[in-house]
Structures are given as C-alpha cells and as structure tokens.
Amino acid sequence: MPIPMKDIILRYRSIYNGFLNYYRFTDNIKQFRKIHWILIESLRRTLSRKLKVSKRLLQSKYGRHLETKYQTSKGRTRNINFYYPIPSRNPMDFAKMIDPKDPLYAGL
C-alpha cells in the first residue's frame, strides 16, 4: 500500500522535531541548518522517486518547502509543508514556532 505524500512529510517533520527537542539546549544550534538540509534533500529525493519526476519539477510544482494540500476526516482542506525556521537559543521560542492548525500538534 503506497504511503500518501502527507504522511511522508509528517514523518520527516517528526524526525526533525525529535532533533529539535533533544538538542534544543546545546550550543551548536547552527548545526540544525545542516540537519534540515539533509532531511529536506532526502525528502525531495523520496518524493521525486515516488512521483517519478525530477527534483526540479517537484520543486516547481510543490514549492521550496514542499507544500501540499490534503483533506481532513471532516472534509476540510489543509496545507502541510516541511518549513521550519532555524531555532533560536532561547528554548521558550519553541512555543512561538507551533502553528495550532499544524496536524503534527493539533492531531489528525
């Protein structure tokens, strides 16, 4: 059974959230740029193979942050993407990053 694009993006986002939560209080916060780059490139390759398109065509269709739309169980249309700002050193800024409509936090 093929995995929907929304679930693949959510899986990559949960991996990145795990890194963010675990290493939030360290001094090497700039290393998250490299982790984010590795994950977004892996996601692009995964989705381009799944959809059988080039990475360039994938990016032109879904954008830089791979934004796609999906239907909720209640019939609402929602957007999901792999956009994350680079976190700051202040651990309390994490609460500002959370979107209440985000399916990773609001539940599906």
PDB file of N, CA and C in Angstrom:
ATOM      1  N   MET A   1       0.844  -1.182   0.000  1.00  0.00           N
ATOM      2  CA  MET A   1       0.000   0.000   0.000  1.00  0.00           C
ATOM      3  C   MET A   1       0.888   1.244   0.000  1.00  0.00           C
ATOM      4  N   PRO A   2       0.723   2.125  -0.971  1.00  0.00           N
ATOM      5  CA  PRO A   2       1.565   3.324  -1.028  1.00  0.00           C
ATOM      6  C   PRO A   2       1.240   4.309   0.106  1.00  0.00           C
ATOM      7  N   ILE A   3       2.265   4.960   0.575  1.00  0.00           N
ATOM      8  CA  ILE A   3       2.113   5.939   1.652  1.00  0.00           C
ATOM      9  C   ILE A   3       1.768   7.288   1.026  1.00  0.00           C
ATOM     10  N   PRO A   4       0.732   7.978   1.520  1.00  0.00           N
ATOM     11  CA  PRO A   4       0.388   9.297   0.970  1.00  0.00           C
ATOM     12  C   PRO A   4       1.496  10.320   1.227  1.00  0.00           C
ATOM     13  N   MET A   5       1.552  11.312   0.357  1.00  0.00           N
ATOM     14  CA  MET A   5       2.572  12.356   0.446  1.00  0.00           C
ATOM     15  C   MET A   5       2.512  13.079   1.791  1.00  0.00           C
ATOM     16  N   LYS A   6       1.307  13.295   2.299  1.00  0.00           N
ATOM     17  CA  LYS A   6       1.139  13.975   3.592  1.00  0.00           C
ATOM     18  C   LYS A   6       1.833  13.197   4.702  1.00  0.00           C
ATOM     19  N   ASP A   7       1.690  11.885   4.698  1.00  0.00           N
ATOM     20  CA  ASP A   7       2.292  11.064   5.748  1.00  0.00           C
ATOM     21  C   ASP A   7       3.816  11.031   5.648  1.00  0.00           C
ATOM     22  N   ILE A   8       4.330  11.084   4.435  1.00  0.00           N
ATOM     23  CA  ILE A   8       5.787  11.125   4.267  1.00  0.00           C
ATOM     24  C   ILE A   8       6.341  12.426   4.820  1.00  0.00           C
ATOM     25  N   ILE A   9       5.680  13.534   4.512  1.00  0.00           N
ATOM     26  CA  ILE A   9       6.123  14.834   5.028  1.00  0.00           C
ATOM     27  C   ILE A   9       6.020  14.862   6.549  1.00  0.00           C
ATOM     28  N   LEU A  10       4.931  14.337   7.089  1.00  0.00           N
ATOM     29  CA  LEU A  10       4.780  14.295   8.553  1.00  0.00           C
ATOM     30  C   LEU A  10       5.867  13.458   9.205  1.00  0.00           C
ATOM     31  N   ARG A  11       6.255  12.375   8.578  1.00  0.00           N
ATOM     32  CA  ARG A  11       7.309  11.527   9.137  1.00  0.00           C
ATOM     33  C   ARG A  11       8.643  12.282   9.186  1.00  0.00           C
ATOM     34  N   TYR A  12       8.982  12.986   8.110  1.00  0.00           N
ATOM     35  CA  TYR A  12      10.216  13.765   8.101  1.00  0.00           C
ATOM     36  C   TYR A  12      10.150  14.907   9.112  1.00  0.00           C
ATOM     37  N   ARG A  13       8.990  15.519   9.234  1.00  0.00           N
ATOM     38  CA  ARG A  13       8.849  16.594  10.222  1.00  0.00           C
ATOM     39  C   ARG A  13       8.989  16.069  11.642  1.00  0.00           C
ATOM     40  N   SER A  14       8.482  14.880  11.900  1.00  0.00           N
ATOM     41  CA  SER A  14       8.609  14.329  13.250  1.00  0.00           C
ATOM     42  C   SER A  14      10.063  13.983  13.570  1.00  0.00           C
ATOM     43  N   ILE A  15      10.816  13.550  12.562  1.00  0.00           N
ATOM     44  CA  ILE A  15      12.255  13.307  12.768  1.00  0.00           C
ATOM     45  C   ILE A  15      12.955  14.612  13.120  1.00  0.00           C
ATOM     46  N   TYR A  16      12.651  15.667  12.373  1.00  0.00           N
ATOM     47  CA  TYR A  16      13.277  16.963  12.651  1.00  0.00           C
ATOM     48  C   TYR A  16      12.852  17.491  14.018  1.00  0.00           C
ATOM     49  N   ASN A  17      11.587  17.297  14.383  1.00  0.00           N
ATOM     50  CA  ASN A  17      11.134  17.721  15.716  1.00  0.00           C
ATOM     51  C   ASN A  17      11.875  16.980  16.808  1.00  0.00           C
ATOM     52  N   GLY A  18      12.171  15.710  16.583  1.00  0.00           N
ATOM     53  CA  GLY A  18      12.928  14.942  17.567  1.00  0.00           C
ATOM     54  C   GLY A  18      14.310  15.523  17.789  1.00  0.00           C
ATOM     55  N   PHE A  19      14.987  15.883  16.690  1.00  0.00           N
ATOM     56  CA  PHE A  19      16.286  16.536  16.820  1.00  0.00           C
ATOM     57  C   PHE A  19      16.158  17.866  17.546  1.00  0.00           C
ATOM     58  N   LEU A  20      15.149  18.655  17.170  1.00  0.00           N
ATOM     59  CA  LEU A  20      14.955  19.956  17.824  1.00  0.00           C
ATOM     60  C   LEU A  20      14.715  19.801  19.319  1.00  0.00           C
ATOM     61  N   ASN A  21      13.875  18.887  19.688  1.00  0.00           N
ATOM     62  CA  ASN A  21      13.559  18.721  21.106  1.00  0.00           C
ATOM     63  C   ASN A  21      14.740  18.189  21.907  1.00  0.00           C
ATOM     64  N   TYR A  22      15.498  17.283  21.327  1.00  0.00           N
ATOM     65  CA  TYR A  22      16.608  16.684  22.057  1.00  0.00           C
ATOM     66  C   TYR A  22      17.789  17.644  22.203  1.00  0.00           C
ATOM     67  N   TYR A  23      18.112  18.367  21.130  1.00  0.00           N
ATOM     68  CA  TYR A  23      19.298  19.228  21.143  1.00  0.00           C
ATOM     69  C   TYR A  23      18.975  20.702  21.358  1.00  0.00           C
ATOM     70  N   ARG A  24      17.803  21.014  21.835  1.00  0.00           N
ATOM     71  CA  ARG A  24      17.378  22.402  21.980  1.00  0.00           C
ATOM     72  C   ARG A  24      18.305  23.220  22.885  1.00  0.00           C
ATOM     73  N   PHE A  25      18.869  22.632  23.913  1.00  0.00           N
ATOM     74  CA  PHE A  25      19.621  23.393  24.901  1.00  0.00           C
ATOM     75  C   PHE A  25      21.127  23.363  24.673  1.00  0.00           C
ATOM     76  N   THR A  26      21.578  22.930  23.524  1.00  0.00           N
ATOM     77  CA  THR A  26      23.004  22.850  23.260  1.00  0.00           C
ATOM     78  C   THR A  26      23.522  24.130  22.620  1.00  0.00           C
ATOM     79  N   ASP A  27      24.847  24.222  22.515  1.00  0.00           N
ATOM     80  CA  ASP A  27      25.469  25.411  21.939  1.00  0.00           C
ATOM     81  C   ASP A  27      25.587  25.354  20.416  1.00  0.00           C
ATOM     82  N   ASN A  28      25.386  24.226  19.812  1.00  0.00           N
ATOM     83  CA  ASN A  28      25.587  24.109  18.372  1.00  0.00           C
ATOM     84  C   ASN A  28      24.272  24.209  17.603  1.00  0.00           C
ATOM     85  N   ILE A  29      23.504  25.222  17.888  1.00  0.00           N
ATOM     86  CA  ILE A  29      22.201  25.394  17.264  1.00  0.00           C
ATOM     87  C   ILE A  29      22.325  25.620  15.756  1.00  0.00           C
ATOM     88  N   LYS A  30      23.461  26.128  15.302  1.00  0.00           N
ATOM     89  CA  LYS A  30      23.650  26.360  13.867  1.00  0.00           C
ATOM     90  C   LYS A  30      23.766  25.049  13.087  1.00  0.00           C
ATOM     91  N   GLN A  31      24.047  23.961  13.771  1.00  0.00           N
ATOM     92  CA  GLN A  31      24.126  22.672  13.091  1.00  0.00           C
ATOM     93  C   GLN A  31      22.765  22.208  12.597  1.00  0.00           C
ATOM     94  N   PHE A  32      21.701  22.820  13.099  1.00  0.00           N
ATOM     95  CA  PHE A  32      20.372  22.450  12.626  1.00  0.00           C
ATOM     96  C   PHE A  32      20.178  22.788  11.159  1.00  0.00           C
ATOM     97  N   ARG A  33      20.903  23.769  10.667  1.00  0.00           N
ATOM     98  CA  ARG A  33      20.813  24.072   9.236  1.00  0.00           C
ATOM     99  C   ARG A  33      21.262  22.881   8.411  1.00  0.00           C
ATOM    100  N   LYS A  34      22.319  22.219   8.842  1.00  0.00           N
ATOM    101  CA  LYS A  34      22.808  21.055   8.119  1.00  0.00           C
ATOM    102  C   LYS A  34      21.830  19.889   8.250  1.00  0.00           C
ATOM    103  N   ILE A  35      21.306  19.675   9.438  1.00  0.00           N
ATOM    104  CA  ILE A  35      20.328  18.608   9.640  1.00  0.00           C
ATOM    105  C   ILE A  35      19.080  18.874   8.797  1.00  0.00           C
ATOM    106  N   HIS A  36      18.624  20.125   8.794  1.00  0.00           N
ATOM    107  CA  HIS A  36      17.454  20.490   7.995  1.00  0.00           C
ATOM    108  C   HIS A  36      17.733  20.265   6.515  1.00  0.00           C
ATOM    109  N   TRP A  37      18.903  20.643   6.057  1.00  0.00           N
ATOM    110  CA  TRP A  37      19.251  20.456   4.652  1.00  0.00           C
ATOM    111  C   TRP A  37      19.274  18.968   4.289  1.00  0.00           C
ATOM    112  N   ILE A  38      19.857  18.149   5.144  1.00  0.00           N
ATOM    113  CA  ILE A  38      19.908  16.707   4.878  1.00  0.00           C
ATOM    114  C   ILE A  38      18.495  16.134   4.796  1.00  0.00           C
ATOM    115  N   LEU A  39      17.643  16.522   5.725  1.00  0.00           N
ATOM    116  CA  LEU A  39      16.282  15.994   5.729  1.00  0.00           C
ATOM    117  C   LEU A  39      15.469  16.489   4.532  1.00  0.00           C
ATOM    118  N   ILE A  40      15.594  17.760   4.172  1.00  0.00           N
ATOM    119  CA  ILE A  40      14.804  18.274   3.047  1.00  0.00           C
ATOM    120  C   ILE A  40      15.282  17.657   1.737  1.00  0.00           C
ATOM    121  N   GLU A  41      16.596  17.438   1.595  1.00  0.00           N
ATOM    122  CA  GLU A  41      17.091  16.785   0.378  1.00  0.00           C
ATOM    123  C   GLU A  41      16.644  15.338   0.309  1.00  0.00           C
ATOM    124  N   SER A  42      16.659  14.650   1.420  1.00  0.00           N
ATOM    125  CA  SER A  42      16.174  13.274   1.453  1.00  0.00           C
ATOM    126  C   SER A  42      14.681  13.214   1.130  1.00  0.00           C
ATOM    127  N   LEU A  43      13.936  14.163   1.663  1.00  0.00           N
ATOM    128  CA  LEU A  43      12.503  14.233   1.376  1.00  0.00           C
ATOM    129  C   LEU A  43      12.261  14.520  -0.101  1.00  0.00           C
ATOM    130  N   ARG A  44      13.021  15.444  -0.675  1.00  0.00           N
ATOM    131  CA  ARG A  44      12.880  15.744  -2.110  1.00  0.00           C
ATOM    132  C   ARG A  44      13.177  14.520  -2.962  1.00  0.00           C
ATOM    133  N   ARG A  45      14.220  13.802  -2.626  1.00  0.00           N
ATOM    134  CA  ARG A  45      14.557  12.601  -3.393  1.00  0.00           C
ATOM    135  C   ARG A  45      13.485  11.534  -3.241  1.00  0.00           C
ATOM    136  N   THR A  46      12.996  11.363  -2.023  1.00  0.00           N
ATOM    137  CA  THR A  46      11.956  10.371  -1.785  1.00  0.00           C
ATOM    138  C   THR A  46      10.698  10.696  -2.579  1.00  0.00           C
ATOM    139  N   LEU A  47      10.262  11.956  -2.518  1.00  0.00           N
ATOM    140  CA  LEU A  47       9.041  12.330  -3.223  1.00  0.00           C
ATOM    141  C   LEU A  47       9.229  12.332  -4.737  1.00  0.00           C
ATOM    142  N   SER A  48      10.414  12.715  -5.209  1.00  0.00           N
ATOM    143  CA  SER A  48      10.626  12.702  -6.659  1.00  0.00           C
ATOM    144  C   SER A  48      10.626  11.275  -7.197  1.00  0.00           C
ATOM    145  N   ARG A  49      11.142  10.334  -6.419  1.00  0.00           N
ATOM    146  CA  ARG A  49      11.072   8.927  -6.835  1.00  0.00           C
ATOM    147  C   ARG A  49       9.649   8.397  -6.744  1.00  0.00           C
ATOM    148  N   LYS A  50       8.927   8.801  -5.717  1.00  0.00           N
ATOM    149  CA  LYS A  50       7.543   8.341  -5.562  1.00  0.00           C
ATOM    150  C   LYS A  50       6.681   8.847  -6.711  1.00  0.00           C
ATOM    151  N   LEU A  51       6.834  10.126  -7.058  1.00  0.00           N
ATOM    152  CA  LEU A  51       6.012  10.735  -8.101  1.00  0.00           C
ATOM    153  C   LEU A  51       6.609  10.570  -9.502  1.00  0.00           C
ATOM    154  N   LYS A  52       7.833  10.037  -9.579  1.00  0.00           N
ATOM    155  CA  LYS A  52       8.540   9.801 -10.847  1.00  0.00           C
ATOM    156  C   LYS A  52       8.714  11.088 -11.650  1.00  0.00           C
ATOM    157  N   VAL A  53       9.199  12.127 -10.950  1.00  0.00           N
ATOM    158  CA  VAL A  53       9.520  13.408 -11.567  1.00  0.00           C
ATOM    159  C   VAL A  53      10.912  13.825 -11.101  1.00  0.00           C
ATOM    160  N   SER A  54      11.492  14.784 -11.787  1.00  0.00           N
ATOM    161  CA  SER A  54      12.797  15.286 -11.364  1.00  0.00           C
ATOM    162  C   SER A  54      12.627  16.174 -10.128  1.00  0.00           C
ATOM    163  N   LYS A  55      13.740  16.398  -9.416  1.00  0.00           N
ATOM    164  CA  LYS A  55      13.674  17.265  -8.228  1.00  0.00           C
ATOM    165  C   LYS A  55      13.304  18.687  -8.623  1.00  0.00           C
ATOM    166  N   ARG A  56      13.756  19.123  -9.790  1.00  0.00           N
ATOM    167  CA  ARG A  56      13.439  20.477 -10.248  1.00  0.00           C
ATOM    168  C   ARG A  56      11.942  20.627 -10.516  1.00  0.00           C
ATOM    169  N   LEU A  57      11.349  19.643 -11.171  1.00  0.00           N
ATOM    170  CA  LEU A  57       9.915  19.680 -11.431  1.00  0.00           C
ATOM    171  C   LEU A  57       9.118  19.573 -10.128  1.00  0.00           C
ATOM    172  N   LEU A  58       9.592  18.757  -9.210  1.00  0.00           N
ATOM    173  CA  LEU A  58       8.947  18.633  -7.902  1.00  0.00           C
ATOM    174  C   LEU A  58       8.943  19.968  -7.178  1.00  0.00           C
ATOM    175  N   GLN A  59      10.077  20.660  -7.201  1.00  0.00           N
ATOM    176  CA  GLN A  59      10.164  21.945  -6.519  1.00  0.00           C
ATOM    177  C   GLN A  59       9.315  23.000  -7.216  1.00  0.00           C
ATOM    178  N   SER A  60       9.235  22.972  -8.531  1.00  0.00           N
ATOM    179  CA  SER A  60       8.402  23.960  -9.218  1.00  0.00           C
ATOM    180  C   SER A  60       6.922  23.711  -8.965  1.00  0.00           C
ATOM    181  N   LYS A  61       6.533  22.449  -8.777  1.00  0.00           N
ATOM    182  CA  LYS A  61       5.125  22.139  -8.538  1.00  0.00           C
ATOM    183  C   LYS A  61       4.718  22.350  -7.087  1.00  0.00           C
ATOM    184  N   TYR A  62       5.560  21.920  -6.132  1.00  0.00           N
ATOM    185  CA  TYR A  62       5.193  21.968  -4.711  1.00  0.00           C
ATOM    186  C   TYR A  62       5.905  23.055  -3.922  1.00  0.00           C
ATOM    187  N   GLY A  63       6.791  23.778  -4.540  1.00  0.00           N
ATOM    188  CA  GLY A  63       7.458  24.880  -3.860  1.00  0.00           C
ATOM    189  C   GLY A  63       8.711  24.452  -3.121  1.00  0.00           C
ATOM    190  N   ARG A  64       9.393  25.430  -2.609  1.00  0.00           N
ATOM    191  CA  ARG A  64      10.671  25.201  -1.926  1.00  0.00           C
ATOM    192  C   ARG A  64      10.531  24.348  -0.669  1.00  0.00           C
ATOM    193  N   HIS A  65       9.412  24.516   0.023  1.00  0.00           N
ATOM    194  CA  HIS A  65       9.193  23.787   1.281  1.00  0.00           C
ATOM    195  C   HIS A  65       8.254  22.597   1.097  1.00  0.00           C
ATOM    196  N   LEU A  66       8.024  22.201  -0.149  1.00  0.00           N
ATOM    197  CA  LEU A  66       7.214  21.024  -0.483  1.00  0.00           C
ATOM    198  C   LEU A  66       5.823  21.083   0.149  1.00  0.00           C
ATOM    199  N   GLU A  67       5.103  22.127  -0.161  1.00  0.00           N
ATOM    200  CA  GLU A  67       3.765  22.314   0.392  1.00  0.00           C
ATOM    201  C   GLU A  67       2.736  21.569  -0.448  1.00  0.00           C
ATOM    202  N   THR A  68       1.867  20.853   0.218  1.00  0.00           N
ATOM    203  CA  THR A  68       0.798  20.116  -0.451  1.00  0.00           C
ATOM    204  C   THR A  68      -0.491  20.262   0.349  1.00  0.00           C
ATOM    205  N   LYS A  69      -1.605  19.998  -0.318  1.00  0.00           N
ATOM    206  CA  LYS A  69      -2.910  20.079   0.339  1.00  0.00           C
ATOM    207  C   LYS A  69      -3.442  18.672   0.567  1.00  0.00           C
ATOM    208  N   TYR A  70      -4.247  18.524   1.610  1.00  0.00           N
ATOM    209  CA  TYR A  70      -4.883  17.245   1.902  1.00  0.00           C
ATOM    210  C   TYR A  70      -6.232  17.495   2.553  1.00  0.00           C
ATOM    211  N   GLN A  71      -7.065  16.483   2.522  1.00  0.00           N
ATOM    212  CA  GLN A  71      -8.393  16.552   3.119  1.00  0.00           C
ATOM    213  C   GLN A  71      -8.370  15.923   4.512  1.00  0.00           C
ATOM    214  N   THR A  72      -8.956  16.600   5.479  1.00  0.00           N
ATOM    215  CA  THR A  72      -9.093  16.021   6.820  1.00  0.00           C
ATOM    216  C   THR A  72     -10.284  15.065   6.828  1.00  0.00           C
ATOM    217  N   SER A  73     -10.458  14.378   7.926  1.00  0.00           N
ATOM    218  CA  SER A  73     -11.585  13.452   8.035  1.00  0.00           C
ATOM    219  C   SER A  73     -12.928  14.186   8.034  1.00  0.00           C
ATOM    220  N   LYS A  74     -12.911  15.478   8.367  1.00  0.00           N
ATOM    221  CA  LYS A  74     -14.135  16.279   8.371  1.00  0.00           C
ATOM    222  C   LYS A  74     -14.376  16.986   7.039  1.00  0.00           C
ATOM    223  N   GLY A  75     -13.512  16.722   6.059  1.00  0.00           N
ATOM    224  CA  GLY A  75     -13.702  17.291   4.731  1.00  0.00           C
ATOM    225  C   GLY A  75     -13.050  18.650   4.522  1.00  0.00           C
ATOM    226  N   ARG A  76     -12.299  19.118   5.479  1.00  0.00           N
ATOM    227  CA  ARG A  76     -11.616  20.412   5.336  1.00  0.00           C
ATOM    228  C   ARG A  76     -10.311  20.227   4.571  1.00  0.00           C
ATOM    229  N   THR A  77      -9.936  21.240   3.823  1.00  0.00           N
ATOM    230  CA  THR A  77      -8.673  21.217   3.096  1.00  0.00           C
ATOM    231  C   THR A  77      -7.621  21.930   3.925  1.00  0.00           C
ATOM    232  N   ARG A  78      -6.506  21.264   4.149  1.00  0.00           N
ATOM    233  CA  ARG A  78      -5.404  21.829   4.930  1.00  0.00           C
ATOM    234  C   ARG A  78      -4.122  21.762   4.111  1.00  0.00           C
ATOM    235  N   ASN A  79      -3.190  22.617   4.448  1.00  0.00           N
ATOM    236  CA  ASN A  79      -1.867  22.606   3.831  1.00  0.00           C
ATOM    237  C   ASN A  79      -0.871  21.988   4.798  1.00  0.00           C
ATOM    238  N   ILE A  80       0.113  21.324   4.237  1.00  0.00           N
ATOM    239  CA  ILE A  80       1.213  20.811   5.038  1.00  0.00           C
ATOM    240  C   ILE A  80       2.489  21.013   4.246  1.00  0.00           C
ATOM    241  N   ASN A  81       3.567  21.360   4.945  1.00  0.00           N
ATOM    242  CA  ASN A  81       4.855  21.560   4.283  1.00  0.00           C
ATOM    243  C   ASN A  81       5.979  21.192   5.239  1.00  0.00           C
ATOM    244  N   PHE A  82       7.195  21.299   4.744  1.00  0.00           N
ATOM    245  CA  PHE A  82       8.361  20.989   5.563  1.00  0.00           C
ATOM    246  C   PHE A  82       9.109  22.266   5.934  1.00  0.00           C
ATOM    247  N   TYR A  83       8.404  23.339   6.189  1.00  0.00           N
ATOM    248  CA  TYR A  83       9.060  24.590   6.566  1.00  0.00           C
ATOM    249  C   TYR A  83       9.270  24.629   8.069  1.00  0.00           C
ATOM    250  N   TYR A  84      10.487  24.934   8.459  1.00  0.00           N
ATOM    251  CA  TYR A  84      10.821  25.177   9.863  1.00  0.00           C
ATOM    252  C   TYR A  84      11.833  26.304   9.911  1.00  0.00           C
ATOM    253  N   PRO A  85      11.605  27.315  10.733  1.00  0.00           N
ATOM    254  CA  PRO A  85      12.649  28.320  10.918  1.00  0.00           C
ATOM    255  C   PRO A  85      13.786  27.732  11.751  1.00  0.00           C
ATOM    256  N   ILE A  86      14.974  28.237  11.549  1.00  0.00           N
ATOM    257  CA  ILE A  86      16.101  27.806  12.361  1.00  0.00           C
ATOM    258  C   ILE A  86      15.838  28.280  13.790  1.00  0.00           C
ATOM    259  N   PRO A  87      15.891  27.405  14.767  1.00  0.00           N
ATOM    260  CA  PRO A  87      15.539  27.797  16.138  1.00  0.00           C
ATOM    261  C   PRO A  87      16.559  28.751  16.741  1.00  0.00           C
ATOM    262  N   SER A  88      16.073  29.538  17.678  1.00  0.00           N
ATOM    263  CA  SER A  88      16.956  30.453  18.389  1.00  0.00           C
ATOM    264  C   SER A  88      17.510  29.752  19.618  1.00  0.00           C
ATOM    265  N   ARG A  89      18.382  30.426  20.323  1.00  0.00           N
ATOM    266  CA  ARG A  89      18.983  29.834  21.522  1.00  0.00           C
ATOM    267  C   ARG A  89      18.019  29.803  22.690  1.00  0.00           C
ATOM    268  N   ASN A  90      16.984  30.622  22.645  1.00  0.00           N
ATOM    269  CA  ASN A  90      16.031  30.689  23.738  1.00  0.00           C
ATOM    270  C   ASN A  90      15.048  29.518  23.624  1.00  0.00           C
ATOM    271  N   PRO A  91      15.020  28.606  24.602  1.00  0.00           N
ATOM    272  CA  PRO A  91      14.133  27.435  24.495  1.00  0.00           C
ATOM    273  C   PRO A  91      12.654  27.785  24.536  1.00  0.00           C
ATOM    274  N   MET A  92      12.301  28.962  25.044  1.00  0.00           N
ATOM    275  CA  MET A  92      10.898  29.343  25.117  1.00  0.00           C
ATOM    276  C   MET A  92      10.362  29.786  23.759  1.00  0.00           C
ATOM    277  N   ASP A  93      11.240  30.014  22.780  1.00  0.00           N
ATOM    278  CA  ASP A  93      10.791  30.396  21.444  1.00  0.00           C
ATOM    279  C   ASP A  93      10.148  29.232  20.706  1.00  0.00           C
ATOM    280  N   PHE A  94      10.319  28.024  21.209  1.00  0.00           N
ATOM    281  CA  PHE A  94       9.714  26.862  20.552  1.00  0.00           C
ATOM    282  C   PHE A  94       8.197  26.983  20.513  1.00  0.00           C
ATOM    283  N   ALA A  95       7.610  27.536  21.568  1.00  0.00           N
ATOM    284  CA  ALA A  95       6.155  27.694  21.609  1.00  0.00           C
ATOM    285  C   ALA A  95       5.671  28.653  20.534  1.00  0.00           C
ATOM    286  N   LYS A  96       6.501  29.608  20.138  1.00  0.00           N
ATOM    287  CA  LYS A  96       6.124  30.551  19.091  1.00  0.00           C
ATOM    288  C   LYS A  96       6.148  29.897  17.710  1.00  0.00           C
ATOM    289  N   MET A  97       6.922  28.826  17.544  1.00  0.00           N
ATOM    290  CA  MET A  97       7.040  28.152  16.262  1.00  0.00           C
ATOM    291  C   MET A  97       5.832  27.277  15.962  1.00  0.00           C
ATOM    292  N   ILE A  98       5.069  26.902  16.963  1.00  0.00           N
ATOM    293  CA  ILE A  98       3.985  25.944  16.782  1.00  0.00           C
ATOM    294  C   ILE A  98       2.762  26.629  16.187  1.00  0.00           C
ATOM    295  N   ASP A  99       2.274  26.079  15.105  1.00  0.00           N
ATOM    296  CA  ASP A  99       1.046  26.538  14.482  1.00  0.00           C
ATOM    297  C   ASP A  99      -0.094  25.693  15.039  1.00  0.00           C
ATOM    298  N   PRO A 100      -1.136  26.301  15.607  1.00  0.00           N
ATOM    299  CA  PRO A 100      -2.204  25.495  16.200  1.00  0.00           C
ATOM    300  C   PRO A 100      -2.958  24.637  15.185  1.00  0.00           C
ATOM    301  N   LYS A 101      -2.882  24.970  13.901  1.00  0.00           N
ATOM    302  CA  LYS A 101      -3.546  24.181  12.869  1.00  0.00           C
ATOM    303  C   LYS A 101      -2.660  23.087  12.319  1.00  0.00           C
ATOM    304  N   ASP A 102      -1.445  23.002  12.807  1.00  0.00           N
ATOM    305  CA  ASP A 102      -0.486  22.006  12.321  1.00  0.00           C
ATOM    306  C   ASP A 102      -0.938  20.616  12.722  1.00  0.00           C
ATOM    307  N   PRO A 103      -1.037  19.688  11.769  1.00  0.00           N
ATOM    308  CA  PRO A 103      -1.517  18.352  12.119  1.00  0.00           C
ATOM    309  C   PRO A 103      -0.568  17.583  13.030  1.00  0.00           C
ATOM    310  N   LEU A 104       0.695  17.974  13.064  1.00  0.00           N
ATOM    311  CA  LEU A 104       1.634  17.296  13.931  1.00  0.00           C
ATOM    312  C   LEU A 104       1.339  17.591  15.403  1.00  0.00           C
ATOM    313  N   TYR A 105       0.743  18.757  15.680  1.00  0.00           N
ATOM    314  CA  TYR A 105       0.454  19.154  17.058  1.00  0.00           C
ATOM    315  C   TYR A 105      -1.036  19.125  17.379  1.00  0.00           C
ATOM    316  N   ALA A 106      -1.863  19.422  16.406  1.00  0.00           N
ATOM    317  CA  ALA A 106      -3.295  19.523  16.671  1.00  0.00           C
ATOM    318  C   ALA A 106      -4.009  18.192  16.561  1.00  0.00           C
ATOM    319  N   GLY A 107      -3.297  17.189  16.124  1.00  0.00           N
ATOM    320  CA  GLY A 107      -3.933  15.886  15.934  1.00  0.00           C
ATOM    321  C   GLY A 107      -4.597  15.818  14.579  1.00  0.00           C
ATOM    322  N   LEU A 108      -4.688  14.649  14.073  1.00  0.00           N
ATOM    323  CA  LEU A 108      -5.291  14.474  12.744  1.00  0.00           C
ATOM    324  C   LEU A 108      -6.752  14.189  12.922  1.00  0.00           C
TER     325      LEU A 108
END
